[in-house]
Amino acid sequence: MSRLRPRPQRGQFHLARELYGHSALGAPLFYFPAHSSCSAGLIMAGTHGDEVAAVVALSCALRSLAAQHLKHHVILAVNPDGCQLGTRCNAHGVDLNRNFATKNWDGGGNVYRWNSSADARDVKLSTGDSPGSESETSALCQLIDKLKPKWTVSIHEPLGCVEDPDQTDLGIWLAEGLQLPLVKEVGYQTPGSFGTWCAERALPCITVELPPISADAASEEYLDIFISLLTHDR
């Protein structure tokens, strides 16, 4: 039996989803559970609402896959308010990837580039009133405590690399499949990040940074490797 659905059927979702919380504006936070939770990882996108190529490409892979072949849990939009508003931050103006309760959380705020061609990181965002202050952040942490995934893959853009501090077999496989360089760090400090939160809990975390690419191109170029990731045995 093929692991893929016929393409005419891929326009709508067929997979069951489960609620794990609500966003700042009350949007449902949901995930697609693995067909079997045994040895399942967690794959997620949409932490930053302006990184739409990752969300669309992962959605296309999910909709292409027959339900019984989904081996890992998936969150398409960690930050649904940001995805709807087109902002990096959530509705409170908080960069969720600097809001996790880590030892190095910094309440002084964060800056980022307006787009990939900007020459300075000068656009300001909050990191929250306290570590883990945002509903999206706390709900995700509670979900991970519940699911106890074997590993996590967080998909972002537009740095064009695969960050894997431990240089795991999965990280190497992803870098080769995506044809992106494998790095141990992105080259700047990320206090309060999801990756740091995972590291403090000995939870393997691989951060995929797609290059600057349209959602349409990403859904074509990365469809096969994302499908392979969703069905990966590791």
Protein backbone atom coordinates (compact mmCIF):
# COMPACT_ATOMS: atom_id res chain seq x y z
CA MET A 1 0.00 0.00 0.00
CA SER A 2 1.34 3.42 -0.95
CA ARG A 3 2.23 5.81 1.86
CA LEU A 4 0.91 8.70 -0.26
CA ARG A 5 -2.60 9.90 -0.99
CA PRO A 6 -3.62 10.62 -4.61
CA ARG A 7 -2.83 14.26 -5.36
CA PRO A 8 -6.49 15.22 -6.08
CA GLN A 9 -7.26 14.35 -2.43
CA ARG A 10 -4.52 16.48 -0.89
CA GLY A 11 -6.41 19.77 -0.84
CA GLN A 12 -7.96 19.13 2.58
CA PHE A 13 -6.78 17.63 5.85
CA HIS A 14 -7.71 14.06 6.66
CA LEU A 15 -5.62 13.59 9.80
CA ALA A 16 -7.01 13.73 13.32
CA ARG A 17 -5.82 16.65 15.41
CA GLU A 18 -5.80 17.30 19.13
CA LEU A 19 -6.09 20.56 21.06
CA TYR A 20 -3.30 21.45 23.47
CA GLY A 21 -4.10 25.06 24.34
CA HIS A 22 -5.06 28.49 23.00
CA SER A 23 -3.11 31.45 21.67
CA ALA A 24 -3.07 34.97 23.08
CA LEU A 25 -6.04 35.84 20.86
CA GLY A 26 -7.85 32.61 21.65
CA ALA A 27 -6.96 30.66 18.52
CA PRO A 28 -6.79 26.89 19.02
CA LEU A 29 -3.35 25.38 19.41
CA PHE A 30 -3.47 21.90 17.97
CA TYR A 31 -1.14 19.15 16.87
CA PHE A 32 -1.40 16.10 14.66
CA PRO A 33 -0.54 13.02 16.75
CA ALA A 34 1.65 10.26 15.41
CA HIS A 35 -0.16 7.11 14.31
CA SER A 36 1.78 5.36 17.07
CA SER A 37 3.41 7.36 19.84
CA CYS A 38 6.14 4.78 20.40
CA SER A 39 9.55 6.39 19.66
CA ALA A 40 7.83 9.38 18.03
CA GLY A 41 9.56 12.72 17.54
CA LEU A 42 7.96 16.18 17.34
CA ILE A 43 8.18 18.26 14.16
CA MET A 44 6.98 21.85 14.25
CA ALA A 45 6.84 25.07 12.25
CA GLY A 46 5.26 28.50 12.53
CA THR A 47 7.03 29.67 15.69
CA HIS A 48 7.58 32.91 13.79
CA GLY A 49 4.47 33.98 11.91
CA ASP A 50 6.41 35.60 9.07
CA GLU A 51 8.10 32.31 8.10
CA VAL A 52 5.30 31.01 5.91
CA ALA A 53 7.30 28.80 3.52
CA ALA A 54 8.05 26.35 6.34
CA VAL A 55 4.38 26.15 7.36
CA VAL A 56 3.11 25.60 3.82
CA ALA A 57 5.76 23.02 2.89
CA LEU A 58 5.15 21.01 6.07
CA SER A 59 1.38 21.24 5.52
CA CYS A 60 1.75 19.93 1.98
CA ALA A 61 3.78 16.98 3.24
CA LEU A 62 1.18 16.17 5.89
CA ARG A 63 -1.70 16.35 3.42
CA SER A 64 0.18 14.09 1.03
CA LEU A 65 0.66 11.32 3.56
CA ALA A 66 -1.73 8.47 4.32
CA ALA A 67 -2.69 8.72 8.01
CA GLN A 68 -1.32 5.35 9.07
CA HIS A 69 2.16 6.32 7.90
CA LEU A 70 2.55 9.41 10.13
CA LYS A 71 5.25 8.34 12.59
CA HIS A 72 5.86 11.64 14.40
CA HIS A 73 3.79 14.34 16.06
CA VAL A 74 3.42 17.59 14.09
CA ILE A 75 2.57 21.19 14.98
CA LEU A 76 2.02 23.34 11.90
CA ALA A 77 1.68 26.69 13.67
CA VAL A 78 3.20 27.17 17.12
CA ASN A 79 2.21 30.85 16.72
CA PRO A 80 -1.18 30.96 14.93
CA ASP A 81 -1.78 34.64 15.79
CA GLY A 82 1.54 35.62 14.22
CA CYS A 83 0.80 33.45 11.17
CA GLN A 84 -2.54 35.24 10.70
CA LEU A 85 -1.07 38.70 11.32
CA GLY A 86 2.11 38.07 9.33
CA THR A 87 4.32 39.00 12.27
CA ARG A 88 7.38 37.31 13.72
CA CYS A 89 5.96 37.82 17.21
CA ASN A 90 2.72 36.69 18.81
CA ALA A 91 -0.22 39.07 19.42
CA HIS A 92 1.50 40.43 22.55
CA GLY A 93 4.55 41.46 20.55
CA VAL A 94 6.67 38.66 22.05
CA ASP A 95 9.19 36.66 20.07
CA LEU A 96 8.17 33.19 21.23
CA ASN A 97 11.60 31.81 20.38
CA ARG A 98 13.08 34.03 23.10
CA ASN A 99 10.38 33.39 25.71
CA PHE A 100 11.23 29.88 26.91
CA ALA A 101 12.14 29.41 30.56
CA THR A 102 15.87 28.87 30.14
CA LYS A 103 18.76 29.73 32.41
CA ASN A 104 19.86 32.45 29.97
CA TRP A 105 16.44 34.05 29.35
CA ASP A 106 16.88 37.79 28.84
CA GLY A 107 14.00 40.12 29.65
CA GLY A 108 15.61 43.04 27.82
CA GLY A 109 13.95 42.30 24.48
CA ASN A 110 15.25 41.08 21.17
CA VAL A 111 16.00 42.42 17.70
CA TYR A 112 15.75 40.85 14.25
CA ARG A 113 16.21 41.71 10.59
CA TRP A 114 13.21 43.20 8.77
CA ASN A 115 13.91 40.75 5.92
CA SER A 116 16.77 38.60 4.67
CA SER A 117 18.27 41.46 2.64
CA ALA A 118 18.38 43.94 5.55
CA ASP A 119 21.91 44.76 6.71
CA ALA A 120 21.09 45.21 10.41
CA ARG A 121 19.20 43.46 13.18
CA ASP A 122 17.30 46.52 14.38
CA VAL A 123 13.58 45.60 14.58
CA LYS A 124 12.63 45.32 18.24
CA LEU A 125 10.45 42.68 19.90
CA SER A 126 9.67 41.77 23.47
CA THR A 127 10.91 38.56 25.08
CA GLY A 128 7.94 38.53 27.49
CA ASP A 129 7.26 39.77 31.01
CA SER A 130 8.83 36.63 32.44
CA PRO A 131 10.26 33.32 31.20
CA GLY A 132 7.49 31.22 29.66
CA SER A 133 4.98 34.04 30.09
CA GLU A 134 3.14 33.44 26.81
CA SER A 135 0.26 30.99 26.46
CA GLU A 136 1.78 29.54 23.27
CA THR A 137 5.10 28.88 25.00
CA SER A 138 3.70 27.36 28.17
CA ALA A 139 1.24 25.16 26.25
CA LEU A 140 4.03 23.81 24.03
CA CYS A 141 6.20 22.97 27.04
CA GLN A 142 3.29 21.18 28.72
CA LEU A 143 2.60 19.24 25.52
CA ILE A 144 6.23 18.11 25.30
CA ASP A 145 6.11 17.00 28.94
CA LYS A 146 3.03 14.95 28.04
CA LEU A 147 4.25 13.48 24.75
CA LYS A 148 7.89 12.93 25.76
CA PRO A 149 9.13 12.97 22.16
CA LYS A 150 12.37 11.20 21.31
CA TRP A 151 13.63 14.31 19.49
CA THR A 152 12.36 17.60 18.06
CA VAL A 153 12.78 19.28 14.68
CA SER A 154 11.85 22.97 14.54
CA ILE A 155 11.56 24.41 11.02
CA HIS A 156 12.35 28.08 10.42
CA GLU A 157 13.71 30.32 7.66
CA PRO A 158 15.68 32.06 6.05
CA LEU A 159 19.27 31.25 7.19
CA GLY A 160 19.69 28.23 4.91
CA CYS A 161 21.27 25.68 7.24
CA VAL A 162 20.56 22.79 9.60
CA GLU A 163 21.64 23.52 13.18
CA ASP A 164 22.35 20.40 15.19
CA PRO A 165 24.69 20.93 18.16
CA ASP A 166 25.05 17.16 18.64
CA GLN A 167 25.63 16.35 14.95
CA THR A 168 23.17 13.45 15.21
CA ASP A 169 22.43 10.93 12.47
CA LEU A 170 19.05 12.62 11.97
CA GLY A 171 20.66 16.05 11.62
CA ILE A 172 23.18 14.74 9.11
CA TRP A 173 20.41 12.99 7.17
CA LEU A 174 18.30 16.17 7.08
CA ALA A 175 21.20 18.35 5.96
CA GLU A 176 21.98 15.94 3.13
CA GLY A 177 18.34 15.61 2.08
CA LEU A 178 17.71 19.36 2.16
CA GLN A 179 21.11 20.07 0.58
CA LEU A 180 21.89 22.60 3.31
CA PRO A 181 25.05 22.99 5.39
CA LEU A 182 25.10 21.30 8.79
CA VAL A 183 26.23 23.64 11.60
CA LYS A 184 26.58 23.38 15.36
CA GLU A 185 25.32 26.92 15.93
CA VAL A 186 23.77 29.74 13.88
CA GLY A 187 26.46 32.25 14.80
CA TYR A 188 24.66 34.51 17.30
CA GLN A 189 23.22 34.20 20.80
CA THR A 190 19.63 32.99 21.22
CA PRO A 191 18.76 33.34 24.93
CA GLY A 192 15.36 31.91 25.82
CA SER A 193 15.13 29.90 22.61
CA PHE A 194 13.36 26.59 22.14
CA GLY A 195 16.65 24.95 21.24
CA THR A 196 18.23 26.10 24.50
CA TRP A 197 15.18 24.93 26.48
CA CYS A 198 15.51 21.49 24.88
CA ALA A 199 19.26 21.34 25.52
CA GLU A 200 18.72 22.03 29.23
CA ARG A 201 16.42 18.98 29.30
CA ALA A 202 18.70 16.73 27.24
CA LEU A 203 16.04 16.64 24.52
CA PRO A 204 17.70 16.50 21.09
CA CYS A 205 16.63 19.51 19.01
CA ILE A 206 17.45 20.10 15.36
CA THR A 207 16.65 23.50 13.90
CA VAL A 208 16.05 23.51 10.16
CA GLU A 209 16.53 26.94 8.60
CA LEU A 210 15.18 26.99 5.06
CA PRO A 211 16.81 29.54 2.73
CA PRO A 212 14.88 32.61 1.54
CA ILE A 213 12.31 30.87 -0.65
CA SER A 214 8.67 31.26 -1.63
CA ALA A 215 6.05 28.97 -0.13
CA ASP A 216 5.28 27.66 -3.61
CA ALA A 217 8.91 26.78 -4.31
CA ALA A 218 9.39 25.25 -0.85
CA SER A 219 6.35 23.01 -1.26
CA GLU A 220 7.92 21.63 -4.45
CA GLU A 221 11.59 21.52 -3.54
CA TYR A 222 11.21 20.09 -0.03
CA LEU A 223 8.06 17.98 -0.34
CA ASP A 224 9.83 14.64 -0.69
CA ILE A 225 12.29 15.18 2.15
CA PHE A 226 9.53 16.44 4.48
CA ILE A 227 7.41 13.38 3.66
CA SER A 228 10.44 11.22 4.41
CA LEU A 229 10.92 13.06 7.71
CA LEU A 230 7.29 12.41 8.71
CA THR A 231 7.75 8.70 8.02
CA HIS A 232 11.31 8.45 9.31
CA ASP A 233 12.13 5.44 11.51
CA ARG A 234 14.74 7.21 13.61
